[in-house]
Amino acid sequence: MKKAEGAFLTISELADDLAVPQHILRYWESRFPQLRPLQRSGNRRYYRPDDVALARRIHHLLTVEGFTVKGAQKALTAGNDGGDPVPSAVSQDILARLETVRADLARALGE
């Protein structure tokens, strides 16, 4: 049975969701001070929705975007989660220039 959206997850549920071993989540807790699940009796960990979102972001930075742990730490503490490292106005300007160059090249090649 799937838990309701916003419900707390145990370490095993989150590990299954991210397809990582539980010890990886414990390691991330030691390396990312922002990731602090509730710990109840017997040191059982309960991840709040914000913790789950952060763990997913860490997983994405490390596995999909190829960040190192140190790089992911810097990205998260700087407020830049790797989504858009360049301001969008600059990105749009560069994109417009690249499209112009692309059109010029296509014209030169006779396409």
Protein backbone atom coordinates (compact mmCIF):
# COMPACT_ATOMS: atom_id res chain seq x y z
CA MET A 1 0.00 0.00 0.00
CA LYS A 2 1.35 3.42 -1.00
CA LYS A 3 1.50 6.10 1.69
CA ALA A 4 -0.36 9.35 1.30
CA GLU A 5 1.49 12.29 -0.20
CA GLY A 6 3.14 14.21 2.63
CA ALA A 7 3.38 11.22 4.97
CA PHE A 8 6.63 10.57 6.79
CA LEU A 9 8.80 7.84 5.26
CA THR A 10 11.07 5.41 7.06
CA ILE A 11 14.64 4.98 5.92
CA SER A 12 13.78 1.70 4.19
CA GLU A 13 10.87 3.28 2.31
CA LEU A 14 12.98 6.20 1.13
CA ALA A 15 15.87 3.90 0.21
CA ASP A 16 13.49 1.79 -1.88
CA ASP A 17 12.02 4.91 -3.49
CA LEU A 18 15.47 6.18 -4.51
CA ALA A 19 16.84 2.70 -5.29
CA VAL A 20 19.83 3.20 -2.99
CA PRO A 21 20.96 1.19 0.03
CA GLN A 22 20.02 2.53 3.47
CA HIS A 23 23.65 3.14 4.36
CA ILE A 24 23.86 5.68 1.52
CA LEU A 25 21.10 7.73 3.15
CA ARG A 26 22.92 7.57 6.48
CA TYR A 27 26.10 8.71 4.70
CA TRP A 28 24.25 11.61 3.10
CA GLU A 29 22.98 12.63 6.55
CA SER A 30 26.61 12.88 7.69
CA ARG A 31 27.66 14.92 4.64
CA PHE A 32 24.63 17.18 4.09
CA PRO A 33 23.68 19.04 7.28
CA GLN A 34 20.37 20.08 5.69
CA LEU A 35 19.21 16.44 5.67
CA ARG A 36 18.02 15.83 9.23
CA PRO A 37 15.19 13.30 9.58
CA LEU A 38 13.32 12.94 12.83
CA GLN A 39 14.80 10.26 15.04
CA ARG A 40 12.48 8.49 17.44
CA SER A 41 13.03 5.74 19.98
CA GLY A 42 15.56 3.18 18.92
CA ASN A 43 17.07 5.71 16.47
CA ARG A 44 14.31 5.05 13.93
CA ARG A 45 14.48 7.67 11.20
CA TYR A 46 11.39 9.35 9.82
CA TYR A 47 11.85 11.54 6.77
CA ARG A 48 9.49 14.51 6.48
CA PRO A 49 8.29 15.62 3.03
CA ASP A 50 10.99 18.33 2.95
CA ASP A 51 13.64 15.72 3.82
CA VAL A 52 12.33 13.44 1.07
CA ALA A 53 12.49 16.28 -1.47
CA LEU A 54 16.05 17.12 -0.38
CA ALA A 55 17.13 13.47 -0.58
CA ARG A 56 15.68 13.26 -4.09
CA ARG A 57 17.55 16.43 -5.06
CA ILE A 58 20.81 15.08 -3.62
CA HIS A 59 20.26 11.82 -5.49
CA HIS A 60 19.62 13.75 -8.72
CA LEU A 61 22.72 15.90 -8.29
CA LEU A 62 24.94 12.91 -7.60
CA THR A 63 23.59 10.36 -10.07
CA VAL A 64 22.02 12.27 -12.94
CA GLU A 65 24.03 15.49 -13.03
CA GLY A 66 27.29 13.81 -12.03
CA PHE A 67 28.21 16.08 -9.13
CA THR A 68 30.70 14.90 -6.53
CA VAL A 69 29.56 14.96 -2.91
CA LYS A 70 31.61 18.12 -2.36
CA GLY A 71 30.14 19.71 -5.49
CA ALA A 72 26.60 18.83 -4.44
CA GLN A 73 27.28 20.30 -0.99
CA LYS A 74 28.43 23.55 -2.57
CA ALA A 75 25.47 23.63 -4.94
CA LEU A 76 22.98 23.13 -2.11
CA THR A 77 24.59 25.57 0.34
CA ALA A 78 24.99 28.25 -2.33
CA GLY A 79 21.29 28.00 -3.04
CA ASN A 80 22.10 26.81 -6.52
CA ASP A 81 20.73 23.31 -6.77
CA GLY A 82 22.23 22.79 -10.19
CA GLY A 83 19.05 23.69 -12.01
CA ASP A 84 20.14 26.94 -13.67
CA PRO A 85 23.73 27.97 -13.01
CA VAL A 86 23.48 31.02 -15.31
CA PRO A 87 20.85 33.76 -14.93
CA SER A 88 18.03 33.24 -17.41
CA ALA A 89 18.53 36.65 -19.10
CA VAL A 90 22.11 35.68 -19.97
CA SER A 91 20.96 32.22 -21.07
CA GLN A 92 18.35 33.74 -23.39
CA ASP A 93 20.92 36.10 -24.91
CA ILE A 94 23.36 33.25 -25.56
CA LEU A 95 20.56 31.08 -26.93
CA ALA A 96 19.54 33.83 -29.38
CA ARG A 97 23.14 34.21 -30.57
CA LEU A 98 23.52 30.46 -31.04
CA GLU A 99 20.31 30.29 -33.06
CA THR A 100 21.63 33.08 -35.30
CA VAL A 101 24.92 31.24 -35.81
CA ARG A 102 23.02 28.03 -36.53
CA ALA A 103 20.88 29.76 -39.16
CA ASP A 104 23.99 31.30 -40.75
CA LEU A 105 25.69 27.91 -40.90
CA ALA A 106 22.62 26.25 -42.38
CA ARG A 107 22.42 28.98 -45.04
CA ALA A 108 26.13 28.62 -45.82
CA LEU A 109 25.78 24.86 -46.20
CA GLY A 110 22.74 25.29 -48.43
CA GLU A 111 20.27 23.55 -46.18
